[in-house]
């Protein structure tokens, strides 16, 4: 077993996610691949019997070891998957959602947060949840991010990344027709400030370069194709520059993401969801990572959902989960040495 202990940071806490989804599949597959590739040590908060049974079902030789404290992780991890027990209420069946297990999913997230806030875990990697199942049991947050933000008094910003690209969407899960109404200079500036601070603290970039995308074709053609560039985005870029942030733009989005352009910046502020995610998933579909900036704790997740349709089949690709582990570990290491 090979694992990356070079930073000497605490282990990562991995949440259960929805037990009907592929969270268990990718967790087990990642540990199995640690025979071949170095991974940061991690533990999960899950049902040990579920994971043992799932490993057998998938044909993965993954020993499961129950632990009582995150401090046991580094000794256990080279030989077995460390699991802090969170028993399920109902037997898990891959691909079959069961709201009875929603309290267990929430409890896993709460325990991971507690371990991280106490300093026993270096950060959290969240496995995908099925939000409607949690809502049915009274979960009062839109998702992981909002739960963690409220619990830590953070101001979250979603950054998606893959090798060669980091991108922050200024607006996220709203209809495309509503984007212009939600786009303001203040929100562009706020996202830009959070991104710049994170690139310095969490990624070790002393003077990060942020490219700001336009909303309209050809960056609005000086107002002929839309006013948002002149009235909202350009003033926001100037405000960021006045604050000492190396921000440039707005640039036409159709020429912002090719290989040569990407050499000119460290991250992009995109104006809406698909403007950010289409290039990222085209460049590297399998290795995308969702990182929550603006929190006092480290949180990453794989850039995909529960994929219940392939849960338990052995088809789930753990690459995004592995990338999320590595990114969380790298961020924690940067924070450990940050002034």
C-alpha atoms as a PDB file:
ATOM      1  CA  UNK A   1       0.000   0.000   0.000  1.00  0.00           C
ATOM      2  CA  UNK A   2       1.321   3.421  -0.969  1.00  0.00           C
ATOM      3  CA  UNK A   3       0.131   6.635   0.558  1.00  0.00           C
ATOM      4  CA  UNK A   4       1.241  10.224   0.547  1.00  0.00           C
ATOM      5  CA  UNK A   5       2.354  11.288   4.001  1.00  0.00           C
ATOM      6  CA  UNK A   6       4.810  13.928   2.842  1.00  0.00           C
ATOM      7  CA  UNK A   7       2.945  16.848   4.377  1.00  0.00           C
ATOM      8  CA  UNK A   8       2.410  15.172   7.780  1.00  0.00           C
ATOM      9  CA  UNK A   9      -1.069  16.663   7.942  1.00  0.00           C
ATOM     10  CA  UNK A  10      -4.051  15.028   9.587  1.00  0.00           C
ATOM     11  CA  UNK A  11      -6.121  12.548   7.559  1.00  0.00           C
ATOM     12  CA  UNK A  12      -9.073  13.559   5.434  1.00  0.00           C
ATOM     13  CA  UNK A  13     -12.662  12.803   6.441  1.00  0.00           C
ATOM     14  CA  UNK A  14     -14.821  11.283   3.696  1.00  0.00           C
ATOM     15  CA  UNK A  15     -18.586  11.416   4.071  1.00  0.00           C
ATOM     16  CA  UNK A  16     -20.972   8.573   3.302  1.00  0.00           C
ATOM     17  CA  UNK A  17     -22.984  10.303   0.610  1.00  0.00           C
ATOM     18  CA  UNK A  18     -26.185   8.585  -0.427  1.00  0.00           C
ATOM     19  CA  UNK A  19     -25.689   4.840   0.102  1.00  0.00           C
ATOM     20  CA  UNK A  20     -27.780   4.143  -2.997  1.00  0.00           C
ATOM     21  CA  UNK A  21     -25.277   6.016  -5.170  1.00  0.00           C
ATOM     22  CA  UNK A  22     -21.705   5.443  -6.288  1.00  0.00           C
ATOM     23  CA  UNK A  23     -20.025   7.010  -3.248  1.00  0.00           C
ATOM     24  CA  UNK A  24     -19.156   3.625  -1.783  1.00  0.00           C
ATOM     25  CA  UNK A  25     -18.018   2.309  -5.172  1.00  0.00           C
ATOM     26  CA  UNK A  26     -15.518   5.108  -5.771  1.00  0.00           C
ATOM     27  CA  UNK A  27     -14.339   5.123  -2.153  1.00  0.00           C
ATOM     28  CA  UNK A  28     -13.496   1.425  -2.269  1.00  0.00           C
ATOM     29  CA  UNK A  29     -11.981   1.650  -5.745  1.00  0.00           C
ATOM     30  CA  UNK A  30      -9.772   4.548  -4.665  1.00  0.00           C
ATOM     31  CA  UNK A  31      -8.418   2.651  -1.670  1.00  0.00           C
ATOM     32  CA  UNK A  32      -7.778  -0.380  -3.882  1.00  0.00           C
ATOM     33  CA  UNK A  33      -5.842   1.800  -6.333  1.00  0.00           C
ATOM     34  CA  UNK A  34      -3.641   3.056  -3.505  1.00  0.00           C
ATOM     35  CA  UNK A  35      -1.682  -0.140  -4.112  1.00  0.00           C
ATOM     36  CA  UNK A  36      -0.487   1.524  -7.315  1.00  0.00           C
ATOM     37  CA  UNK A  37      -0.614   5.266  -6.680  1.00  0.00           C
ATOM     38  CA  UNK A  38       0.090   7.359  -3.602  1.00  0.00           C
ATOM     39  CA  UNK A  39      -3.001   8.763  -1.910  1.00  0.00           C
ATOM     40  CA  UNK A  40      -3.346  10.997   1.146  1.00  0.00           C
ATOM     41  CA  UNK A  41      -4.613   8.967   4.116  1.00  0.00           C
ATOM     42  CA  UNK A  42      -8.349   9.211   4.706  1.00  0.00           C
ATOM     43  CA  UNK A  43     -11.072   7.686   6.817  1.00  0.00           C
ATOM     44  CA  UNK A  44     -14.770   7.493   6.127  1.00  0.00           C
ATOM     45  CA  UNK A  45     -17.833   7.766   8.341  1.00  0.00           C
ATOM     46  CA  UNK A  46     -20.056   4.989   7.078  1.00  0.00           C
ATOM     47  CA  UNK A  47     -21.566   1.613   7.814  1.00  0.00           C
ATOM     48  CA  UNK A  48     -18.677  -0.910   7.932  1.00  0.00           C
ATOM     49  CA  UNK A  49     -20.947  -3.828   7.054  1.00  0.00           C
ATOM     50  CA  UNK A  50     -22.277  -1.969   4.017  1.00  0.00           C
ATOM     51  CA  UNK A  51     -18.769  -1.273   2.758  1.00  0.00           C
ATOM     52  CA  UNK A  52     -17.544  -4.819   3.374  1.00  0.00           C
ATOM     53  CA  UNK A  53     -20.536  -6.233   1.527  1.00  0.00           C
ATOM     54  CA  UNK A  54     -20.170  -3.752  -1.317  1.00  0.00           C
ATOM     55  CA  UNK A  55     -16.463  -4.535  -1.701  1.00  0.00           C
ATOM     56  CA  UNK A  56     -17.289  -8.224  -1.978  1.00  0.00           C
ATOM     57  CA  UNK A  57     -20.076  -7.485  -4.465  1.00  0.00           C
ATOM     58  CA  UNK A  58     -17.694  -5.410  -6.607  1.00  0.00           C
ATOM     59  CA  UNK A  59     -14.896  -7.959  -6.388  1.00  0.00           C
ATOM     60  CA  UNK A  60     -12.539  -5.524  -4.656  1.00  0.00           C
ATOM     61  CA  UNK A  61     -10.051  -6.813  -2.102  1.00  0.00           C
ATOM     62  CA  UNK A  62     -10.564  -3.991   0.392  1.00  0.00           C
ATOM     63  CA  UNK A  63     -10.290  -4.916   4.074  1.00  0.00           C
ATOM     64  CA  UNK A  64     -12.498  -2.688   6.232  1.00  0.00           C
ATOM     65  CA  UNK A  65     -11.259  -1.739   9.703  1.00  0.00           C
ATOM     66  CA  UNK A  66     -13.467  -0.043  12.282  1.00  0.00           C
ATOM     67  CA  UNK A  67     -11.787   2.817  14.143  1.00  0.00           C
ATOM     68  CA  UNK A  68     -13.002   5.007  16.979  1.00  0.00           C
ATOM     69  CA  UNK A  69     -10.871   8.077  16.292  1.00  0.00           C
ATOM     70  CA  UNK A  70      -9.350   9.789  13.235  1.00  0.00           C
ATOM     71  CA  UNK A  71      -5.978   9.495  14.985  1.00  0.00           C
ATOM     72  CA  UNK A  72      -5.949   5.777  14.164  1.00  0.00           C
ATOM     73  CA  UNK A  73      -6.124   6.436  10.434  1.00  0.00           C
ATOM     74  CA  UNK A  74      -2.455   6.637   9.513  1.00  0.00           C
ATOM     75  CA  UNK A  75      -1.624   3.324  11.169  1.00  0.00           C
ATOM     76  CA  UNK A  76      -4.641   1.555   9.690  1.00  0.00           C
ATOM     77  CA  UNK A  77      -4.737   3.081   6.203  1.00  0.00           C
ATOM     78  CA  UNK A  78      -1.801   1.181   4.648  1.00  0.00           C
ATOM     79  CA  UNK A  79      -3.509  -2.146   5.368  1.00  0.00           C
ATOM     80  CA  UNK A  80      -7.254  -1.465   5.539  1.00  0.00           C
ATOM     81  CA  UNK A  81      -9.913   1.153   4.892  1.00  0.00           C
ATOM     82  CA  UNK A  82     -10.472   3.012   8.194  1.00  0.00           C
ATOM     83  CA  UNK A  83     -14.168   3.460   9.010  1.00  0.00           C
ATOM     84  CA  UNK A  84     -15.767   5.356  11.883  1.00  0.00           C
ATOM     85  CA  UNK A  85     -19.082   3.493  12.206  1.00  0.00           C
ATOM     86  CA  UNK A  86     -22.295   5.191  11.165  1.00  0.00           C
ATOM     87  CA  UNK A  87     -24.792   2.316  10.927  1.00  0.00           C
ATOM     88  CA  UNK A  88     -27.570   2.550   8.384  1.00  0.00           C
ATOM     89  CA  UNK A  89     -31.210   2.343   9.400  1.00  0.00           C
ATOM     90  CA  UNK A  90     -32.248   0.343   6.330  1.00  0.00           C
ATOM     91  CA  UNK A  91     -30.123  -2.075   4.279  1.00  0.00           C
ATOM     92  CA  UNK A  92     -28.520  -0.235   1.378  1.00  0.00           C
ATOM     93  CA  UNK A  93     -29.321  -1.395  -2.125  1.00  0.00           C
ATOM     94  CA  UNK A  94     -27.228   0.164  -4.902  1.00  0.00           C
ATOM     95  CA  UNK A  95     -29.436   2.195  -7.189  1.00  0.00           C
ATOM     96  CA  UNK A  96     -32.455   2.143  -4.868  1.00  0.00           C
ATOM     97  CA  UNK A  97     -32.978   5.344  -2.885  1.00  0.00           C
ATOM     98  CA  UNK A  98     -34.311   4.933   0.647  1.00  0.00           C
ATOM     99  CA  UNK A  99     -35.248   8.019   2.642  1.00  0.00           C
ATOM    100  CA  UNK A 100     -34.975   6.011   5.866  1.00  0.00           C
ATOM    101  CA  UNK A 101     -31.194   6.337   5.585  1.00  0.00           C
ATOM    102  CA  UNK A 102     -31.265  10.133   5.199  1.00  0.00           C
ATOM    103  CA  UNK A 103     -30.543  10.746   8.931  1.00  0.00           C
ATOM    104  CA  UNK A 104     -27.445   8.551   8.593  1.00  0.00           C
ATOM    105  CA  UNK A 105     -26.213  10.529   5.594  1.00  0.00           C
ATOM    106  CA  UNK A 106     -26.671  13.768   7.538  1.00  0.00           C
ATOM    107  CA  UNK A 107     -24.996  12.326  10.640  1.00  0.00           C
ATOM    108  CA  UNK A 108     -21.963  11.340   8.564  1.00  0.00           C
ATOM    109  CA  UNK A 109     -21.628  14.901   7.288  1.00  0.00           C
ATOM    110  CA  UNK A 110     -22.026  16.333  10.784  1.00  0.00           C
ATOM    111  CA  UNK A 111     -19.378  13.988  12.191  1.00  0.00           C
ATOM    112  CA  UNK A 112     -16.953  14.836   9.380  1.00  0.00           C
ATOM    113  CA  UNK A 113     -17.448  18.530  10.094  1.00  0.00           C
ATOM    114  CA  UNK A 114     -16.893  17.997  13.825  1.00  0.00           C
ATOM    115  CA  UNK A 115     -13.669  16.083  13.141  1.00  0.00           C
ATOM    116  CA  UNK A 116     -12.429  18.877  10.901  1.00  0.00           C
ATOM    117  CA  UNK A 117     -13.362  21.718  13.245  1.00  0.00           C
ATOM    118  CA  UNK A 118     -11.620  19.922  16.121  1.00  0.00           C
ATOM    119  CA  UNK A 119      -8.440  19.577  14.080  1.00  0.00           C
ATOM    120  CA  UNK A 120      -8.621  15.784  13.970  1.00  0.00           C
ATOM    121  CA  UNK A 121      -9.179  15.844  10.201  1.00  0.00           C
ATOM    122  CA  UNK A 122      -7.409  18.064   7.689  1.00  0.00           C
ATOM    123  CA  UNK A 123     -10.520  18.567   5.597  1.00  0.00           C
ATOM    124  CA  UNK A 124     -13.677  17.012   4.213  1.00  0.00           C
ATOM    125  CA  UNK A 125     -14.244  15.214   0.932  1.00  0.00           C
ATOM    126  CA  UNK A 126     -17.988  14.885   0.438  1.00  0.00           C
ATOM    127  CA  UNK A 127     -19.455  12.002  -1.497  1.00  0.00           C
ATOM    128  CA  UNK A 128     -22.530  12.824  -3.614  1.00  0.00           C
ATOM    129  CA  UNK A 129     -25.920  13.111  -1.937  1.00  0.00           C
ATOM    130  CA  UNK A 130     -29.428  12.814  -3.352  1.00  0.00           C
ATOM    131  CA  UNK A 131     -30.880  16.112  -2.204  1.00  0.00           C
ATOM    132  CA  UNK A 132     -34.560  15.274  -2.585  1.00  0.00           C
ATOM    133  CA  UNK A 133     -34.135  12.284  -0.274  1.00  0.00           C
ATOM    134  CA  UNK A 134     -32.623  14.523   2.402  1.00  0.00           C
ATOM    135  CA  UNK A 135     -35.260  17.216   1.919  1.00  0.00           C
ATOM    136  CA  UNK A 136     -37.954  14.617   2.551  1.00  0.00           C
ATOM    137  CA  UNK A 137     -36.436  14.028   5.982  1.00  0.00           C
ATOM    138  CA  UNK A 138     -36.178  17.704   6.915  1.00  0.00           C
ATOM    139  CA  UNK A 139     -32.684  18.650   5.729  1.00  0.00           C
ATOM    140  CA  UNK A 140     -33.041  22.420   5.587  1.00  0.00           C
ATOM    141  CA  UNK A 141     -30.151  23.299   3.268  1.00  0.00           C
ATOM    142  CA  UNK A 142     -29.934  23.255  -0.536  1.00  0.00           C
ATOM    143  CA  UNK A 143     -26.838  21.050  -0.329  1.00  0.00           C
ATOM    144  CA  UNK A 144     -23.494  20.306   1.318  1.00  0.00           C
ATOM    145  CA  UNK A 145     -22.105  23.749   0.612  1.00  0.00           C
ATOM    146  CA  UNK A 146     -24.866  25.700   2.322  1.00  0.00           C
ATOM    147  CA  UNK A 147     -24.823  23.371   5.335  1.00  0.00           C
ATOM    148  CA  UNK A 148     -21.074  23.841   5.789  1.00  0.00           C
ATOM    149  CA  UNK A 149     -21.308  27.591   5.216  1.00  0.00           C
ATOM    150  CA  UNK A 150     -23.947  28.032   7.915  1.00  0.00           C
ATOM    151  CA  UNK A 151     -22.070  25.805  10.349  1.00  0.00           C
ATOM    152  CA  UNK A 152     -18.784  27.682   9.884  1.00  0.00           C
ATOM    153  CA  UNK A 153     -20.055  31.231   9.192  1.00  0.00           C
ATOM    154  CA  UNK A 154     -18.353  31.081   5.812  1.00  0.00           C
ATOM    155  CA  UNK A 155     -19.201  32.755   2.512  1.00  0.00           C
ATOM    156  CA  UNK A 156     -18.928  29.908   0.019  1.00  0.00           C
ATOM    157  CA  UNK A 157     -17.783  30.183  -3.569  1.00  0.00           C
ATOM    158  CA  UNK A 158     -17.778  27.151  -5.863  1.00  0.00           C
ATOM    159  CA  UNK A 159     -14.624  26.551  -7.874  1.00  0.00           C
ATOM    160  CA  UNK A 160     -14.379  23.750 -10.418  1.00  0.00           C
ATOM    161  CA  UNK A 161     -10.963  22.596 -11.506  1.00  0.00           C
ATOM    162  CA  UNK A 162      -9.097  20.028 -13.535  1.00  0.00           C
ATOM    163  CA  UNK A 163      -5.457  19.893 -14.623  1.00  0.00           C
ATOM    164  CA  UNK A 164      -4.984  23.075 -16.637  1.00  0.00           C
ATOM    165  CA  UNK A 165      -8.115  24.991 -15.633  1.00  0.00           C
ATOM    166  CA  UNK A 166      -9.731  26.565 -12.579  1.00  0.00           C
ATOM    167  CA  UNK A 167     -13.061  28.313 -13.018  1.00  0.00           C
ATOM    168  CA  UNK A 168     -15.573  30.010 -10.718  1.00  0.00           C
ATOM    169  CA  UNK A 169     -19.129  30.594 -11.968  1.00  0.00           C
ATOM    170  CA  UNK A 170     -20.467  33.918 -10.687  1.00  0.00           C
ATOM    171  CA  UNK A 171     -24.066  32.696 -10.939  1.00  0.00           C
ATOM    172  CA  UNK A 172     -24.798  29.009 -10.491  1.00  0.00           C
ATOM    173  CA  UNK A 173     -28.055  27.057 -10.438  1.00  0.00           C
ATOM    174  CA  UNK A 174     -30.507  29.476 -12.010  1.00  0.00           C
ATOM    175  CA  UNK A 175     -32.217  29.495 -15.420  1.00  0.00           C
ATOM    176  CA  UNK A 176     -30.122  31.040 -18.162  1.00  0.00           C
ATOM    177  CA  UNK A 177     -32.858  33.611 -18.781  1.00  0.00           C
ATOM    178  CA  UNK A 178     -32.438  34.857 -15.199  1.00  0.00           C
ATOM    179  CA  UNK A 179     -28.660  35.326 -15.316  1.00  0.00           C
ATOM    180  CA  UNK A 180     -28.677  39.000 -16.437  1.00  0.00           C
ATOM    181  CA  UNK A 181     -31.015  39.933 -13.585  1.00  0.00           C
ATOM    182  CA  UNK A 182     -28.788  38.228 -11.010  1.00  0.00           C
ATOM    183  CA  UNK A 183     -25.515  39.599 -12.363  1.00  0.00           C
ATOM    184  CA  UNK A 184     -24.230  42.645 -10.465  1.00  0.00           C
ATOM    185  CA  UNK A 185     -20.867  44.316 -10.086  1.00  0.00           C
ATOM    186  CA  UNK A 186     -20.961  43.545  -6.374  1.00  0.00           C
ATOM    187  CA  UNK A 187     -21.312  39.802  -6.889  1.00  0.00           C
ATOM    188  CA  UNK A 188     -18.539  39.739  -9.502  1.00  0.00           C
ATOM    189  CA  UNK A 189     -16.272  41.649  -7.124  1.00  0.00           C
ATOM    190  CA  UNK A 190     -17.177  39.410  -4.194  1.00  0.00           C
ATOM    191  CA  UNK A 191     -16.434  36.235  -6.161  1.00  0.00           C
ATOM    192  CA  UNK A 192     -13.203  37.744  -7.451  1.00  0.00           C
ATOM    193  CA  UNK A 193     -11.971  38.709  -3.995  1.00  0.00           C
ATOM    194  CA  UNK A 194     -12.696  35.248  -2.596  1.00  0.00           C
ATOM    195  CA  UNK A 195     -11.032  33.576  -5.570  1.00  0.00           C
ATOM    196  CA  UNK A 196      -7.901  35.723  -5.346  1.00  0.00           C
ATOM    197  CA  UNK A 197      -7.526  35.094  -1.613  1.00  0.00           C
ATOM    198  CA  UNK A 198      -7.982  31.344  -2.082  1.00  0.00           C
ATOM    199  CA  UNK A 199      -5.477  31.142  -4.918  1.00  0.00           C
ATOM    200  CA  UNK A 200      -2.908  32.757  -2.648  1.00  0.00           C
ATOM    201  CA  UNK A 201      -3.641  30.881   0.584  1.00  0.00           C
ATOM    202  CA  UNK A 202      -4.808  27.516  -0.696  1.00  0.00           C
ATOM    203  CA  UNK A 203      -2.829  27.137  -3.919  1.00  0.00           C
ATOM    204  CA  UNK A 204       0.351  29.044  -3.093  1.00  0.00           C
ATOM    205  CA  UNK A 205       0.108  31.572  -5.941  1.00  0.00           C
ATOM    206  CA  UNK A 206       1.724  34.830  -4.851  1.00  0.00           C
ATOM    207  CA  UNK A 207       0.141  37.038  -7.526  1.00  0.00           C
ATOM    208  CA  UNK A 208      -2.717  35.081  -9.089  1.00  0.00           C
ATOM    209  CA  UNK A 209      -3.995  36.118 -12.506  1.00  0.00           C
ATOM    210  CA  UNK A 210      -7.770  36.115 -12.892  1.00  0.00           C
ATOM    211  CA  UNK A 211      -9.396  36.333 -16.313  1.00  0.00           C
ATOM    212  CA  UNK A 212     -12.997  37.540 -16.303  1.00  0.00           C
ATOM    213  CA  UNK A 213     -15.352  36.228 -18.963  1.00  0.00           C
ATOM    214  CA  UNK A 214     -17.914  38.344 -20.762  1.00  0.00           C
ATOM    215  CA  UNK A 215     -21.586  37.440 -20.700  1.00  0.00           C
ATOM    216  CA  UNK A 216     -22.526  38.286 -24.281  1.00  0.00           C
ATOM    217  CA  UNK A 217     -21.052  37.231 -27.651  1.00  0.00           C
ATOM    218  CA  UNK A 218     -17.925  39.183 -28.610  1.00  0.00           C
ATOM    219  CA  UNK A 219     -17.908  40.758 -25.124  1.00  0.00           C
ATOM    220  CA  UNK A 220     -20.998  42.756 -26.040  1.00  0.00           C
ATOM    221  CA  UNK A 221     -19.481  44.562 -29.057  1.00  0.00           C
ATOM    222  CA  UNK A 222     -19.260  47.760 -26.985  1.00  0.00           C
ATOM    223  CA  UNK A 223     -22.962  47.645 -26.198  1.00  0.00           C
ATOM    224  CA  UNK A 224     -24.289  46.485 -29.553  1.00  0.00           C
ATOM    225  CA  UNK A 225     -24.838  42.925 -28.272  1.00  0.00           C
ATOM    226  CA  UNK A 226     -25.620  43.673 -24.643  1.00  0.00           C
ATOM    227  CA  UNK A 227     -24.892  46.188 -21.919  1.00  0.00           C
ATOM    228  CA  UNK A 228     -23.678  43.915 -19.116  1.00  0.00           C
ATOM    229  CA  UNK A 229     -20.011  44.171 -20.081  1.00  0.00           C
ATOM    230  CA  UNK A 230     -19.916  47.973 -19.971  1.00  0.00           C
ATOM    231  CA  UNK A 231     -22.285  48.489 -17.068  1.00  0.00           C
ATOM    232  CA  UNK A 232     -21.520  45.548 -14.753  1.00  0.00           C
ATOM    233  CA  UNK A 233     -18.498  43.412 -15.593  1.00  0.00           C
ATOM    234  CA  UNK A 234     -15.901  46.005 -16.646  1.00  0.00           C
ATOM    235  CA  UNK A 235     -16.558  48.200 -13.566  1.00  0.00           C
ATOM    236  CA  UNK A 236     -16.203  45.106 -11.383  1.00  0.00           C
ATOM    237  CA  UNK A 237     -12.865  44.270 -12.996  1.00  0.00           C
ATOM    238  CA  UNK A 238     -11.698  47.821 -12.317  1.00  0.00           C
ATOM    239  CA  UNK A 239     -12.758  47.552  -8.670  1.00  0.00           C
ATOM    240  CA  UNK A 240     -10.771  44.334  -8.324  1.00  0.00           C
ATOM    241  CA  UNK A 241      -7.737  45.979  -9.910  1.00  0.00           C
ATOM    242  CA  UNK A 242      -8.064  48.961  -7.574  1.00  0.00           C
ATOM    243  CA  UNK A 243      -7.933  46.473  -4.685  1.00  0.00           C
ATOM    244  CA  UNK A 244      -4.592  45.140  -5.938  1.00  0.00           C
ATOM    245  CA  UNK A 245      -5.996  42.016  -7.597  1.00  0.00           C
ATOM    246  CA  UNK A 246      -4.609  41.061 -11.000  1.00  0.00           C
ATOM    247  CA  UNK A 247      -7.924  40.800 -12.838  1.00  0.00           C
ATOM    248  CA  UNK A 248      -8.377  41.355 -16.561  1.00  0.00           C
ATOM    249  CA  UNK A 249     -11.349  41.312 -18.904  1.00  0.00           C
ATOM    250  CA  UNK A 250     -14.119  40.981 -19.780  1.00  0.00           C
ATOM    251  CA  UNK A 251     -13.000  38.593 -22.512  1.00  0.00           C
ATOM    252  CA  UNK A 252     -15.190  36.857 -25.103  1.00  0.00           C
ATOM    253  CA  UNK A 253     -15.860  33.421 -23.677  1.00  0.00           C
ATOM    254  CA  UNK A 254     -15.464  31.616 -27.002  1.00  0.00           C
ATOM    255  CA  UNK A 255     -11.722  32.357 -27.098  1.00  0.00           C
ATOM    256  CA  UNK A 256     -10.962  32.214 -23.387  1.00  0.00           C
ATOM    257  CA  UNK A 257     -10.527  28.495 -22.832  1.00  0.00           C
ATOM    258  CA  UNK A 258      -8.240  27.198 -25.588  1.00  0.00           C
ATOM    259  CA  UNK A 259      -4.767  25.963 -24.627  1.00  0.00           C
ATOM    260  CA  UNK A 260      -2.866  29.134 -25.525  1.00  0.00           C
ATOM    261  CA  UNK A 261      -5.317  31.390 -23.671  1.00  0.00           C
ATOM    262  CA  UNK A 262      -5.157  29.221 -20.544  1.00  0.00           C
ATOM    263  CA  UNK A 263      -1.437  29.901 -20.245  1.00  0.00           C
ATOM    264  CA  UNK A 264      -2.262  33.545 -19.574  1.00  0.00           C
ATOM    265  CA  UNK A 265      -4.210  33.148 -16.338  1.00  0.00           C
ATOM    266  CA  UNK A 266      -4.530  31.072 -13.172  1.00  0.00           C
ATOM    267  CA  UNK A 267      -8.332  31.043 -12.959  1.00  0.00           C
ATOM    268  CA  UNK A 268     -11.428  32.305 -14.734  1.00  0.00           C
ATOM    269  CA  UNK A 269     -14.475  34.089 -13.393  1.00  0.00           C
ATOM    270  CA  UNK A 270     -17.311  32.853 -15.602  1.00  0.00           C
ATOM    271  CA  UNK A 271     -20.698  34.520 -15.614  1.00  0.00           C
ATOM    272  CA  UNK A 272     -22.929  31.438 -15.482  1.00  0.00           C
ATOM    273  CA  UNK A 273     -22.948  27.710 -14.817  1.00  0.00           C
ATOM    274  CA  UNK A 274     -22.522  26.213 -18.279  1.00  0.00           C
ATOM    275  CA  UNK A 275     -20.027  28.859 -19.370  1.00  0.00           C
ATOM    276  CA  UNK A 276     -17.805  27.505 -16.598  1.00  0.00           C
ATOM    277  CA  UNK A 277     -18.516  23.795 -16.754  1.00  0.00           C
ATOM    278  CA  UNK A 278     -18.643  23.066 -20.485  1.00  0.00           C
ATOM    279  CA  UNK A 279     -14.957  23.881 -21.085  1.00  0.00           C
ATOM    280  CA  UNK A 280     -13.870  22.140 -17.895  1.00  0.00           C
ATOM    281  CA  UNK A 281     -15.702  18.915 -18.674  1.00  0.00           C
ATOM    282  CA  UNK A 282     -14.554  19.047 -22.284  1.00  0.00           C
ATOM    283  CA  UNK A 283     -10.915  19.452 -21.291  1.00  0.00           C
ATOM    284  CA  UNK A 284     -10.969  16.679 -18.670  1.00  0.00           C
ATOM    285  CA  UNK A 285     -14.278  15.006 -17.949  1.00  0.00           C
ATOM    286  CA  UNK A 286     -12.937  12.431 -15.489  1.00  0.00           C
ATOM    287  CA  UNK A 287     -10.742  14.516 -13.179  1.00  0.00           C
ATOM    288  CA  UNK A 288     -12.891  17.500 -12.263  1.00  0.00           C
ATOM    289  CA  UNK A 289     -12.983  18.628  -8.633  1.00  0.00           C
ATOM    290  CA  UNK A 290     -15.482  20.865  -6.865  1.00  0.00           C
ATOM    291  CA  UNK A 291     -13.726  22.963  -4.209  1.00  0.00           C
ATOM    292  CA  UNK A 292     -15.616  25.243  -1.848  1.00  0.00           C
ATOM    293  CA  UNK A 293     -13.681  28.475  -1.396  1.00  0.00           C
ATOM    294  CA  UNK A 294     -14.427  30.984   1.340  1.00  0.00           C
ATOM    295  CA  UNK A 295     -14.765  28.508   4.221  1.00  0.00           C
ATOM    296  CA  UNK A 296     -12.493  28.254   7.273  1.00  0.00           C
ATOM    297  CA  UNK A 297     -12.269  24.506   6.601  1.00  0.00           C
ATOM    298  CA  UNK A 298     -11.091  22.550   3.565  1.00  0.00           C
ATOM    299  CA  UNK A 299     -13.870  20.951   1.513  1.00  0.00           C
ATOM    300  CA  UNK A 300     -13.703  19.274  -1.872  1.00  0.00           C
ATOM    301  CA  UNK A 301     -15.907  16.805  -3.703  1.00  0.00           C
ATOM    302  CA  UNK A 302     -15.882  14.840  -6.936  1.00  0.00           C
ATOM    303  CA  UNK A 303     -17.485  16.735  -9.792  1.00  0.00           C
ATOM    304  CA  UNK A 304     -20.382  14.357 -10.351  1.00  0.00           C
ATOM    305  CA  UNK A 305     -23.597  13.202  -8.725  1.00  0.00           C
ATOM    306  CA  UNK A 306     -24.871  10.001  -7.181  1.00  0.00           C
ATOM    307  CA  UNK A 307     -25.127   8.157 -10.534  1.00  0.00           C
ATOM    308  CA  UNK A 308     -27.555   5.656  -9.030  1.00  0.00           C
ATOM    309  CA  UNK A 309     -28.012   4.041 -12.434  1.00  0.00           C
ATOM    310  CA  UNK A 310     -24.496   2.552 -12.306  1.00  0.00           C
ATOM    311  CA  UNK A 311     -24.135   2.098  -8.534  1.00  0.00           C
ATOM    312  CA  UNK A 312     -22.922  -1.368  -7.623  1.00  0.00           C
ATOM    313  CA  UNK A 313     -22.049  -2.278 -11.216  1.00  0.00           C
ATOM    314  CA  UNK A 314     -18.307  -1.625 -11.081  1.00  0.00           C
ATOM    315  CA  UNK A 315     -18.612   1.009 -13.821  1.00  0.00           C
ATOM    316  CA  UNK A 316     -18.062   4.055 -11.585  1.00  0.00           C
ATOM    317  CA  UNK A 317     -14.788   5.854 -12.316  1.00  0.00           C
ATOM    318  CA  UNK A 318     -12.989   6.930  -9.106  1.00  0.00           C
ATOM    319  CA  UNK A 319     -10.721   9.460 -10.866  1.00  0.00           C
ATOM    320  CA  UNK A 320     -12.670  12.551  -9.802  1.00  0.00           C
ATOM    321  CA  UNK A 321     -12.854  11.300  -6.209  1.00  0.00           C
ATOM    322  CA  UNK A 322      -9.106  10.628  -6.186  1.00  0.00           C
ATOM    323  CA  UNK A 323      -8.476  14.112  -7.580  1.00  0.00           C
ATOM    324  CA  UNK A 324     -10.700  15.554  -4.830  1.00  0.00           C
ATOM    325  CA  UNK A 325      -8.669  13.720  -2.175  1.00  0.00           C
ATOM    326  CA  UNK A 326      -5.412  15.044  -3.574  1.00  0.00           C
ATOM    327  CA  UNK A 327      -6.701  18.586  -3.903  1.00  0.00           C
ATOM    328  CA  UNK A 328      -8.014  18.625  -0.331  1.00  0.00           C
ATOM    329  CA  UNK A 329      -4.683  17.342   0.953  1.00  0.00           C
ATOM    330  CA  UNK A 330      -2.735  19.922  -1.055  1.00  0.00           C
ATOM    331  CA  UNK A 331      -4.927  22.778   0.184  1.00  0.00           C
ATOM    332  CA  UNK A 332      -4.572  21.610   3.787  1.00  0.00           C
ATOM    333  CA  UNK A 333      -0.801  21.490   3.363  1.00  0.00           C
ATOM    334  CA  UNK A 334      -0.749  25.050   1.995  1.00  0.00           C
ATOM    335  CA  UNK A 335      -2.907  26.291   4.868  1.00  0.00           C
ATOM    336  CA  UNK A 336      -0.629  24.600   7.381  1.00  0.00           C
ATOM    337  CA  UNK A 337       2.307  26.752   6.265  1.00  0.00           C
ATOM    338  CA  UNK A 338       0.390  29.928   5.400  1.00  0.00           C
ATOM    339  CA  UNK A 339       1.287  32.953   7.541  1.00  0.00           C
END
